[in-house]
Amino acid sequence: MPEQQDLSTRPGCISRVLRSFAILSLWSCLSTQALCAAPDTAQASGAAATGTRRQIDINDLFQHWVHSREEEERGATIQIFRPVASMDFPPSWFRMEYKFARNGRCEFLSLAPNDGHHFKPCTWKISADKLMLQISANRGSTSYRIAELTGKILRFTPLQLPPTD
């Protein structure tokens, strides 16, 4: 039986794993659903945890969001983001971040091959019912179903899981 190697000791292995994770996080699904440009004052309805209907104010989207994975349930597909200044986030090798602007432009935090972090430009669109968010960059787009959006929390779920090899 071949000897198992500790991959964490192989040069560049951690960097490649983190880069792959960052790419999969951003490009986790593709959507063929038609989406329209996001107006400044769009409102949307969504189901609250109690099953009642609530209003989503799309203006709450226009800020700097940070992935708060520590709040997520193990095995759940929903992703939780918090405003950058809302809390002290624990140390992390990489933590996805988005900055959304009213004009349909946004930025996402990218992990470079040298493990450096920098923002890259992208655009966003929202569906007519205001519950689907699509984020697009040069190589593709990622679509999410918005579960909750307030000034204090953004919860969304990828529409499709990434393909596995």
N, C-alpha and C. Protein backbone atom coordinates (compact mmCIF):
# COMPACT_ATOMS: atom_id res chain seq x y z
N MET A 1 0.85 -1.18 0.00
CA MET A 1 0.00 0.00 0.00
C MET A 1 0.89 1.24 0.00
N PRO A 2 0.62 2.23 -0.90
CA PRO A 2 1.48 3.41 -0.96
C PRO A 2 1.39 4.24 0.31
N GLU A 3 2.50 4.89 0.62
CA GLU A 3 2.58 5.74 1.81
C GLU A 3 1.79 7.04 1.57
N GLN A 4 1.00 7.46 2.55
CA GLN A 4 0.24 8.70 2.43
C GLN A 4 1.14 9.88 2.75
N GLN A 5 0.95 10.98 1.98
CA GLN A 5 1.75 12.18 2.20
C GLN A 5 0.90 13.24 2.87
N ASP A 6 1.52 14.02 3.72
CA ASP A 6 0.86 15.17 4.32
C ASP A 6 0.92 16.31 3.32
N LEU A 7 -0.22 16.62 2.68
CA LEU A 7 -0.26 17.63 1.62
C LEU A 7 0.09 19.02 2.11
N SER A 8 -0.08 19.28 3.41
CA SER A 8 0.21 20.61 3.93
C SER A 8 1.70 20.92 3.90
N THR A 9 2.55 19.90 3.73
CA THR A 9 3.99 20.14 3.69
C THR A 9 4.51 20.28 2.27
N ARG A 10 3.69 20.04 1.26
CA ARG A 10 4.12 20.16 -0.12
C ARG A 10 4.10 21.62 -0.52
N PRO A 11 5.14 22.13 -1.15
CA PRO A 11 5.23 23.55 -1.53
C PRO A 11 4.07 23.96 -2.42
N GLY A 12 3.41 25.05 -2.08
CA GLY A 12 2.34 25.61 -2.90
C GLY A 12 1.00 24.91 -2.78
N CYS A 13 0.94 23.80 -2.06
CA CYS A 13 -0.31 23.04 -1.99
C CYS A 13 -1.42 23.84 -1.32
N ILE A 14 -1.12 24.47 -0.19
CA ILE A 14 -2.13 25.24 0.52
C ILE A 14 -2.59 26.41 -0.35
N SER A 15 -1.66 27.05 -1.02
CA SER A 15 -2.00 28.17 -1.90
C SER A 15 -2.97 27.72 -2.99
N ARG A 16 -2.71 26.57 -3.62
CA ARG A 16 -3.59 26.07 -4.68
C ARG A 16 -4.96 25.71 -4.13
N VAL A 17 -5.00 25.11 -2.96
CA VAL A 17 -6.28 24.74 -2.34
C VAL A 17 -7.10 25.99 -2.03
N LEU A 18 -6.46 26.99 -1.44
CA LEU A 18 -7.18 28.23 -1.11
C LEU A 18 -7.63 28.95 -2.37
N ARG A 19 -6.79 28.98 -3.40
CA ARG A 19 -7.17 29.61 -4.65
C ARG A 19 -8.38 28.89 -5.25
N SER A 20 -8.35 27.58 -5.23
CA SER A 20 -9.48 26.80 -5.75
C SER A 20 -10.75 27.08 -4.97
N PHE A 21 -10.62 27.17 -3.64
CA PHE A 21 -11.78 27.46 -2.81
C PHE A 21 -12.36 28.83 -3.16
N ALA A 22 -11.50 29.82 -3.33
CA ALA A 22 -11.96 31.18 -3.65
C ALA A 22 -12.66 31.20 -5.00
N ILE A 23 -12.11 30.50 -5.98
CA ILE A 23 -12.72 30.46 -7.31
C ILE A 23 -14.06 29.76 -7.25
N LEU A 24 -14.13 28.63 -6.56
CA LEU A 24 -15.40 27.91 -6.45
C LEU A 24 -16.44 28.73 -5.69
N SER A 25 -16.00 29.46 -4.69
CA SER A 25 -16.93 30.30 -3.94
C SER A 25 -17.57 31.34 -4.83
N LEU A 26 -16.75 31.95 -5.71
CA LEU A 26 -17.28 32.99 -6.57
C LEU A 26 -18.06 32.42 -7.74
N TRP A 27 -17.55 31.38 -8.34
CA TRP A 27 -18.19 30.83 -9.55
C TRP A 27 -18.96 29.55 -9.25
N SER A 28 -19.67 29.55 -8.16
CA SER A 28 -20.31 28.32 -7.70
C SER A 28 -21.47 27.86 -8.57
N CYS A 29 -22.01 28.73 -9.38
CA CYS A 29 -23.09 28.28 -10.26
C CYS A 29 -23.28 29.25 -11.40
N LEU A 30 -23.91 28.77 -12.44
CA LEU A 30 -24.27 29.61 -13.57
C LEU A 30 -25.78 29.65 -13.67
N SER A 31 -26.30 30.77 -14.10
CA SER A 31 -27.74 30.89 -14.23
C SER A 31 -28.10 31.24 -15.66
N THR A 32 -29.14 30.63 -16.16
CA THR A 32 -29.65 30.98 -17.47
C THR A 32 -30.91 31.82 -17.34
N GLN A 33 -31.26 32.15 -16.13
CA GLN A 33 -32.46 32.93 -15.86
C GLN A 33 -32.25 34.38 -16.28
N ALA A 34 -33.22 34.96 -16.97
CA ALA A 34 -33.12 36.35 -17.39
C ALA A 34 -33.21 37.26 -16.17
N LEU A 35 -32.29 38.20 -16.12
CA LEU A 35 -32.26 39.15 -15.02
C LEU A 35 -32.26 40.55 -15.59
N CYS A 36 -32.72 41.51 -14.78
CA CYS A 36 -32.78 42.89 -15.24
C CYS A 36 -31.90 43.76 -14.36
N ALA A 37 -31.58 44.96 -14.84
CA ALA A 37 -30.74 45.88 -14.07
C ALA A 37 -31.44 46.25 -12.78
N ALA A 38 -30.68 46.52 -11.75
CA ALA A 38 -31.22 46.80 -10.43
C ALA A 38 -31.53 48.28 -10.26
N PRO A 39 -32.78 48.64 -10.00
CA PRO A 39 -33.11 50.02 -9.72
C PRO A 39 -32.72 50.39 -8.30
N ASP A 40 -32.57 51.69 -8.03
CA ASP A 40 -32.16 52.15 -6.71
C ASP A 40 -33.16 51.88 -5.60
N THR A 41 -34.44 51.85 -5.91
CA THR A 41 -35.45 51.75 -4.85
C THR A 41 -36.27 50.48 -4.93
N ALA A 42 -35.72 49.42 -5.51
CA ALA A 42 -36.46 48.18 -5.67
C ALA A 42 -36.83 47.58 -4.33
N GLN A 43 -37.99 47.00 -4.23
CA GLN A 43 -38.46 46.28 -3.05
C GLN A 43 -38.70 44.83 -3.45
N ALA A 44 -38.58 43.93 -2.52
CA ALA A 44 -38.83 42.52 -2.79
C ALA A 44 -39.47 41.88 -1.58
N SER A 45 -40.19 40.80 -1.85
CA SER A 45 -40.79 40.04 -0.76
C SER A 45 -40.02 38.75 -0.60
N GLY A 46 -39.95 38.27 0.62
CA GLY A 46 -39.32 37.00 0.91
C GLY A 46 -39.99 36.39 2.12
N ALA A 47 -39.76 35.11 2.32
CA ALA A 47 -40.36 34.46 3.47
C ALA A 47 -39.45 34.59 4.68
N ALA A 48 -39.97 35.10 5.74
CA ALA A 48 -39.21 35.19 7.00
C ALA A 48 -39.15 33.80 7.62
N ALA A 49 -38.35 33.64 8.65
CA ALA A 49 -38.19 32.34 9.31
C ALA A 49 -39.53 31.81 9.82
N THR A 50 -40.47 32.69 10.12
CA THR A 50 -41.77 32.25 10.62
C THR A 50 -42.72 31.87 9.50
N GLY A 51 -42.29 32.04 8.22
CA GLY A 51 -43.15 31.71 7.11
C GLY A 51 -43.99 32.90 6.66
N THR A 52 -43.92 34.01 7.36
CA THR A 52 -44.67 35.19 6.95
C THR A 52 -43.90 35.94 5.87
N ARG A 53 -44.60 36.75 5.09
CA ARG A 53 -43.97 37.54 4.04
C ARG A 53 -43.34 38.77 4.65
N ARG A 54 -42.19 39.17 4.16
CA ARG A 54 -41.52 40.38 4.61
C ARG A 54 -41.01 41.13 3.39
N GLN A 55 -40.74 42.40 3.57
CA GLN A 55 -40.21 43.22 2.49
C GLN A 55 -38.69 43.27 2.57
N ILE A 56 -38.05 43.23 1.41
CA ILE A 56 -36.60 43.39 1.32
C ILE A 56 -36.35 44.73 0.65
N ASP A 57 -35.57 45.57 1.29
CA ASP A 57 -35.20 46.86 0.71
C ASP A 57 -33.84 46.69 0.05
N ILE A 58 -33.81 46.75 -1.28
CA ILE A 58 -32.57 46.51 -2.01
C ILE A 58 -31.50 47.54 -1.67
N ASN A 59 -31.89 48.68 -1.13
CA ASN A 59 -30.91 49.70 -0.72
C ASN A 59 -29.97 49.17 0.37
N ASP A 60 -30.42 48.17 1.11
CA ASP A 60 -29.57 47.57 2.14
C ASP A 60 -28.37 46.84 1.54
N LEU A 61 -28.46 46.49 0.24
CA LEU A 61 -27.38 45.77 -0.42
C LEU A 61 -26.14 46.65 -0.62
N PHE A 62 -26.33 47.95 -0.75
CA PHE A 62 -25.27 48.86 -1.16
C PHE A 62 -24.31 49.18 -0.03
N GLN A 63 -23.44 48.23 0.27
CA GLN A 63 -22.41 48.39 1.29
C GLN A 63 -21.35 47.30 1.10
N HIS A 64 -20.40 47.27 1.99
CA HIS A 64 -19.29 46.32 1.96
C HIS A 64 -19.66 45.13 2.85
N TRP A 65 -19.79 43.93 2.26
CA TRP A 65 -20.22 42.73 2.97
C TRP A 65 -19.04 41.77 3.14
N VAL A 66 -18.99 41.09 4.30
CA VAL A 66 -17.94 40.13 4.61
C VAL A 66 -18.59 38.78 4.98
N HIS A 67 -18.03 37.70 4.43
CA HIS A 67 -18.56 36.36 4.69
C HIS A 67 -18.37 36.00 6.16
N SER A 68 -19.45 35.69 6.83
CA SER A 68 -19.42 35.33 8.25
C SER A 68 -19.75 33.84 8.39
N ARG A 69 -18.86 33.02 7.88
CA ARG A 69 -19.12 31.57 7.82
C ARG A 69 -19.26 30.92 9.20
N GLU A 70 -18.74 31.58 10.23
CA GLU A 70 -18.87 31.04 11.58
C GLU A 70 -20.33 30.98 12.03
N GLU A 71 -21.18 31.78 11.43
CA GLU A 71 -22.61 31.79 11.78
C GLU A 71 -23.41 30.75 11.01
N GLU A 72 -22.82 30.16 10.00
CA GLU A 72 -23.53 29.22 9.15
C GLU A 72 -23.65 27.85 9.83
N GLU A 73 -24.75 27.19 9.53
CA GLU A 73 -24.95 25.84 10.06
C GLU A 73 -24.10 24.86 9.26
N ARG A 74 -23.51 23.92 9.95
CA ARG A 74 -22.68 22.90 9.30
C ARG A 74 -23.49 22.15 8.24
N GLY A 75 -22.97 22.07 7.03
CA GLY A 75 -23.63 21.34 5.96
C GLY A 75 -24.69 22.13 5.22
N ALA A 76 -25.02 23.31 5.67
CA ALA A 76 -26.05 24.13 5.01
C ALA A 76 -25.44 24.83 3.80
N THR A 77 -26.27 25.12 2.79
CA THR A 77 -25.79 25.80 1.59
C THR A 77 -25.95 27.31 1.68
N ILE A 78 -26.69 27.78 2.65
CA ILE A 78 -26.90 29.23 2.78
C ILE A 78 -25.63 29.90 3.26
N GLN A 79 -25.31 31.03 2.66
CA GLN A 79 -24.13 31.79 3.04
C GLN A 79 -24.57 33.06 3.76
N ILE A 80 -23.83 33.42 4.80
CA ILE A 80 -24.18 34.59 5.62
C ILE A 80 -23.07 35.63 5.49
N PHE A 81 -23.49 36.85 5.20
CA PHE A 81 -22.56 37.98 5.11
C PHE A 81 -23.02 39.06 6.06
N ARG A 82 -22.05 39.79 6.61
CA ARG A 82 -22.32 40.90 7.54
C ARG A 82 -21.59 42.14 7.03
N PRO A 83 -22.09 43.34 7.35
CA PRO A 83 -21.34 44.55 6.99
C PRO A 83 -19.95 44.54 7.61
N VAL A 84 -18.97 45.07 6.89
CA VAL A 84 -17.58 44.99 7.30
C VAL A 84 -17.33 45.54 8.70
N ALA A 85 -18.02 46.61 9.09
CA ALA A 85 -17.77 47.23 10.40
C ALA A 85 -18.70 46.72 11.49
N SER A 86 -19.50 45.71 11.20
CA SER A 86 -20.52 45.28 12.16
C SER A 86 -19.98 44.40 13.28
N MET A 87 -18.81 43.79 13.07
CA MET A 87 -18.26 42.90 14.08
C MET A 87 -16.78 42.68 13.83
N ASP A 88 -16.09 42.13 14.81
CA ASP A 88 -14.70 41.73 14.64
C ASP A 88 -14.71 40.28 14.17
N PHE A 89 -14.35 40.06 12.90
CA PHE A 89 -14.35 38.72 12.35
C PHE A 89 -13.09 37.98 12.81
N PRO A 90 -13.23 36.70 13.13
CA PRO A 90 -12.05 35.92 13.56
C PRO A 90 -11.03 35.85 12.42
N PRO A 91 -9.77 35.63 12.75
CA PRO A 91 -8.74 35.50 11.70
C PRO A 91 -9.10 34.37 10.74
N SER A 92 -8.74 34.56 9.47
CA SER A 92 -9.06 33.59 8.44
C SER A 92 -8.05 33.72 7.30
N TRP A 93 -7.72 32.61 6.65
CA TRP A 93 -6.81 32.65 5.50
C TRP A 93 -7.44 33.47 4.39
N PHE A 94 -8.73 33.24 4.16
CA PHE A 94 -9.45 33.99 3.14
C PHE A 94 -10.90 34.09 3.57
N ARG A 95 -11.46 35.24 3.38
CA ARG A 95 -12.86 35.50 3.71
C ARG A 95 -13.44 36.31 2.56
N MET A 96 -14.43 35.74 1.84
CA MET A 96 -15.01 36.42 0.69
C MET A 96 -15.64 37.74 1.12
N GLU A 97 -15.47 38.76 0.29
CA GLU A 97 -16.06 40.07 0.54
C GLU A 97 -16.62 40.61 -0.76
N TYR A 98 -17.72 41.34 -0.65
CA TYR A 98 -18.32 42.02 -1.79
C TYR A 98 -18.59 43.47 -1.42
N LYS A 99 -18.44 44.36 -2.39
CA LYS A 99 -18.82 45.76 -2.25
C LYS A 99 -19.80 46.06 -3.38
N PHE A 100 -21.06 46.36 -3.03
CA PHE A 100 -22.10 46.63 -4.02
C PHE A 100 -22.37 48.12 -4.14
N ALA A 101 -22.47 48.61 -5.37
CA ALA A 101 -22.80 50.02 -5.63
C ALA A 101 -24.17 50.09 -6.30
N ARG A 102 -24.82 51.24 -6.18
CA ARG A 102 -26.16 51.44 -6.75
C ARG A 102 -26.21 51.31 -8.26
N ASN A 103 -25.11 51.61 -8.94
CA ASN A 103 -25.09 51.63 -10.40
C ASN A 103 -24.95 50.25 -11.05
N GLY A 104 -25.03 49.18 -10.28
CA GLY A 104 -24.91 47.83 -10.83
C GLY A 104 -23.48 47.31 -10.86
N ARG A 105 -22.56 48.09 -10.36
CA ARG A 105 -21.17 47.65 -10.28
C ARG A 105 -20.90 47.12 -8.87
N CYS A 106 -19.91 46.24 -8.79
CA CYS A 106 -19.50 45.73 -7.49
C CYS A 106 -18.06 45.28 -7.59
N GLU A 107 -17.53 44.88 -6.46
CA GLU A 107 -16.18 44.34 -6.38
C GLU A 107 -16.23 43.10 -5.49
N PHE A 108 -15.37 42.14 -5.78
CA PHE A 108 -15.25 40.96 -4.92
C PHE A 108 -13.78 40.79 -4.55
N LEU A 109 -13.54 40.25 -3.38
CA LEU A 109 -12.18 40.02 -2.92
C LEU A 109 -11.64 38.77 -3.59
N SER A 110 -10.48 38.90 -4.18
CA SER A 110 -9.86 37.80 -4.90
C SER A 110 -8.58 37.39 -4.19
N LEU A 111 -8.31 36.10 -4.22
CA LEU A 111 -7.08 35.56 -3.65
C LEU A 111 -6.13 35.28 -4.81
N ALA A 112 -5.04 36.01 -4.88
CA ALA A 112 -4.07 35.86 -5.96
C ALA A 112 -3.20 34.61 -5.74
N PRO A 113 -2.51 34.16 -6.79
CA PRO A 113 -1.64 32.98 -6.65
C PRO A 113 -0.56 33.15 -5.58
N ASN A 114 -0.17 34.39 -5.28
CA ASN A 114 0.84 34.62 -4.24
C ASN A 114 0.20 34.80 -2.86
N ASP A 115 -1.05 34.42 -2.71
CA ASP A 115 -1.83 34.51 -1.48
C ASP A 115 -2.17 35.94 -1.09
N GLY A 116 -1.95 36.88 -1.99
CA GLY A 116 -2.34 38.27 -1.74
C GLY A 116 -3.83 38.46 -1.99
N HIS A 117 -4.43 39.38 -1.28
CA HIS A 117 -5.85 39.66 -1.44
C HIS A 117 -6.00 41.01 -2.13
N HIS A 118 -6.87 41.09 -3.12
CA HIS A 118 -7.18 42.36 -3.77
C HIS A 118 -8.59 42.29 -4.36
N PHE A 119 -9.20 43.45 -4.51
CA PHE A 119 -10.55 43.50 -5.06
C PHE A 119 -10.50 43.52 -6.58
N LYS A 120 -11.45 42.79 -7.19
CA LYS A 120 -11.60 42.77 -8.64
C LYS A 120 -12.99 43.30 -8.98
N PRO A 121 -13.11 43.96 -10.13
CA PRO A 121 -14.41 44.51 -10.51
C PRO A 121 -15.37 43.44 -11.01
N CYS A 122 -16.63 43.68 -10.78
CA CYS A 122 -17.69 42.81 -11.28
C CYS A 122 -18.96 43.65 -11.39
N THR A 123 -20.03 43.05 -11.85
CA THR A 123 -21.32 43.73 -11.91
C THR A 123 -22.35 42.86 -11.23
N TRP A 124 -23.47 43.46 -10.87
CA TRP A 124 -24.55 42.70 -10.25
C TRP A 124 -25.86 43.09 -10.92
N LYS A 125 -26.78 42.14 -10.92
CA LYS A 125 -28.14 42.35 -11.41
C LYS A 125 -29.08 41.64 -10.45
N ILE A 126 -30.31 42.08 -10.45
CA ILE A 126 -31.30 41.43 -9.58
C ILE A 126 -32.51 41.08 -10.43
N SER A 127 -33.14 39.97 -10.14
CA SER A 127 -34.28 39.50 -10.93
C SER A 127 -35.49 40.41 -10.72
N ALA A 128 -36.45 40.28 -11.61
CA ALA A 128 -37.66 41.10 -11.55
C ALA A 128 -38.38 40.95 -10.21
N ASP A 129 -38.36 39.75 -9.62
CA ASP A 129 -39.03 39.56 -8.32
C ASP A 129 -38.13 39.97 -7.16
N LYS A 130 -36.93 40.43 -7.45
CA LYS A 130 -35.96 40.95 -6.47
C LYS A 130 -35.47 39.89 -5.48
N LEU A 131 -35.55 38.62 -5.85
CA LEU A 131 -35.10 37.56 -4.94
C LEU A 131 -33.88 36.80 -5.47
N MET A 132 -33.49 37.05 -6.72
CA MET A 132 -32.32 36.40 -7.31
C MET A 132 -31.26 37.45 -7.59
N LEU A 133 -30.06 37.21 -7.08
CA LEU A 133 -28.93 38.11 -7.27
C LEU A 133 -27.92 37.41 -8.16
N GLN A 134 -27.48 38.10 -9.22
CA GLN A 134 -26.47 37.55 -10.11
C GLN A 134 -25.25 38.46 -10.06
N ILE A 135 -24.08 37.86 -9.81
CA ILE A 135 -22.82 38.58 -9.77
C ILE A 135 -21.98 38.07 -10.93
N SER A 136 -21.52 39.00 -11.80
CA SER A 136 -20.79 38.61 -13.01
C SER A 136 -19.43 39.27 -13.07
N ALA A 137 -18.44 38.51 -13.49
CA ALA A 137 -17.09 39.02 -13.74
C ALA A 137 -16.68 38.49 -15.11
N ASN A 138 -15.42 38.72 -15.52
CA ASN A 138 -15.03 38.38 -16.88
C ASN A 138 -15.21 36.92 -17.26
N ARG A 139 -15.10 36.01 -16.37
CA ARG A 139 -15.14 34.59 -16.76
C ARG A 139 -16.45 33.88 -16.45
N GLY A 140 -17.43 34.57 -15.96
CA GLY A 140 -18.70 33.90 -15.68
C GLY A 140 -19.53 34.66 -14.68
N SER A 141 -20.60 34.01 -14.27
CA SER A 141 -21.48 34.64 -13.30
C SER A 141 -21.94 33.62 -12.26
N THR A 142 -22.30 34.13 -11.12
CA THR A 142 -22.79 33.33 -10.01
C THR A 142 -24.15 33.88 -9.63
N SER A 143 -25.12 33.01 -9.45
CA SER A 143 -26.47 33.45 -9.09
C SER A 143 -26.86 32.88 -7.74
N TYR A 144 -27.56 33.70 -6.97
CA TYR A 144 -27.97 33.34 -5.62
C TYR A 144 -29.45 33.67 -5.41
N ARG A 145 -30.10 32.90 -4.56
CA ARG A 145 -31.45 33.21 -4.09
C ARG A 145 -31.30 33.93 -2.76
N ILE A 146 -31.83 35.15 -2.69
CA ILE A 146 -31.73 35.93 -1.46
C ILE A 146 -32.74 35.40 -0.45
N ALA A 147 -32.26 34.99 0.70
CA ALA A 147 -33.12 34.50 1.78
C ALA A 147 -33.46 35.63 2.75
N GLU A 148 -32.49 36.53 2.95
CA GLU A 148 -32.70 37.65 3.87
C GLU A 148 -31.74 38.76 3.51
N LEU A 149 -32.25 39.98 3.52
CA LEU A 149 -31.41 41.15 3.29
C LEU A 149 -31.93 42.29 4.15
N THR A 150 -31.11 42.72 5.10
CA THR A 150 -31.39 43.89 5.92
C THR A 150 -30.09 44.69 5.97
N GLY A 151 -30.07 45.77 6.66
CA GLY A 151 -28.85 46.54 6.81
C GLY A 151 -27.79 45.82 7.62
N LYS A 152 -28.18 44.74 8.31
CA LYS A 152 -27.27 44.03 9.21
C LYS A 152 -26.89 42.63 8.77
N ILE A 153 -27.61 42.07 7.78
CA ILE A 153 -27.32 40.70 7.35
C ILE A 153 -27.74 40.49 5.90
N LEU A 154 -26.93 39.72 5.19
CA LEU A 154 -27.26 39.25 3.84
C LEU A 154 -27.10 37.74 3.88
N ARG A 155 -28.22 37.04 3.64
CA ARG A 155 -28.20 35.58 3.59
C ARG A 155 -28.66 35.16 2.21
N PHE A 156 -27.82 34.38 1.51
CA PHE A 156 -28.24 33.88 0.20
C PHE A 156 -27.70 32.49 -0.05
N THR A 157 -28.33 31.82 -1.01
CA THR A 157 -28.00 30.44 -1.34
C THR A 157 -27.67 30.34 -2.81
N PRO A 158 -26.58 29.66 -3.17
CA PRO A 158 -26.31 29.44 -4.60
C PRO A 158 -27.47 28.67 -5.23
N LEU A 159 -27.82 29.03 -6.48
CA LEU A 159 -28.93 28.34 -7.15
C LEU A 159 -28.57 26.92 -7.52
N GLN A 160 -27.30 26.68 -7.81
CA GLN A 160 -26.83 25.34 -8.14
C GLN A 160 -25.52 25.12 -7.42
N LEU A 161 -25.25 23.88 -7.04
CA LEU A 161 -23.97 23.56 -6.44
C LEU A 161 -22.95 23.39 -7.55
N PRO A 162 -21.68 23.68 -7.30
CA PRO A 162 -20.65 23.52 -8.33
C PRO A 162 -20.50 22.05 -8.72
N PRO A 163 -20.15 21.80 -9.99
CA PRO A 163 -19.95 20.40 -10.41
C PRO A 163 -18.74 19.80 -9.70
N THR A 164 -18.79 18.51 -9.48
CA THR A 164 -17.68 17.82 -8.84
C THR A 164 -17.00 16.93 -9.87
N ASP A 165 -15.71 16.72 -9.72
CA ASP A 165 -14.96 15.87 -10.66
C ASP A 165 -15.04 14.43 -10.26
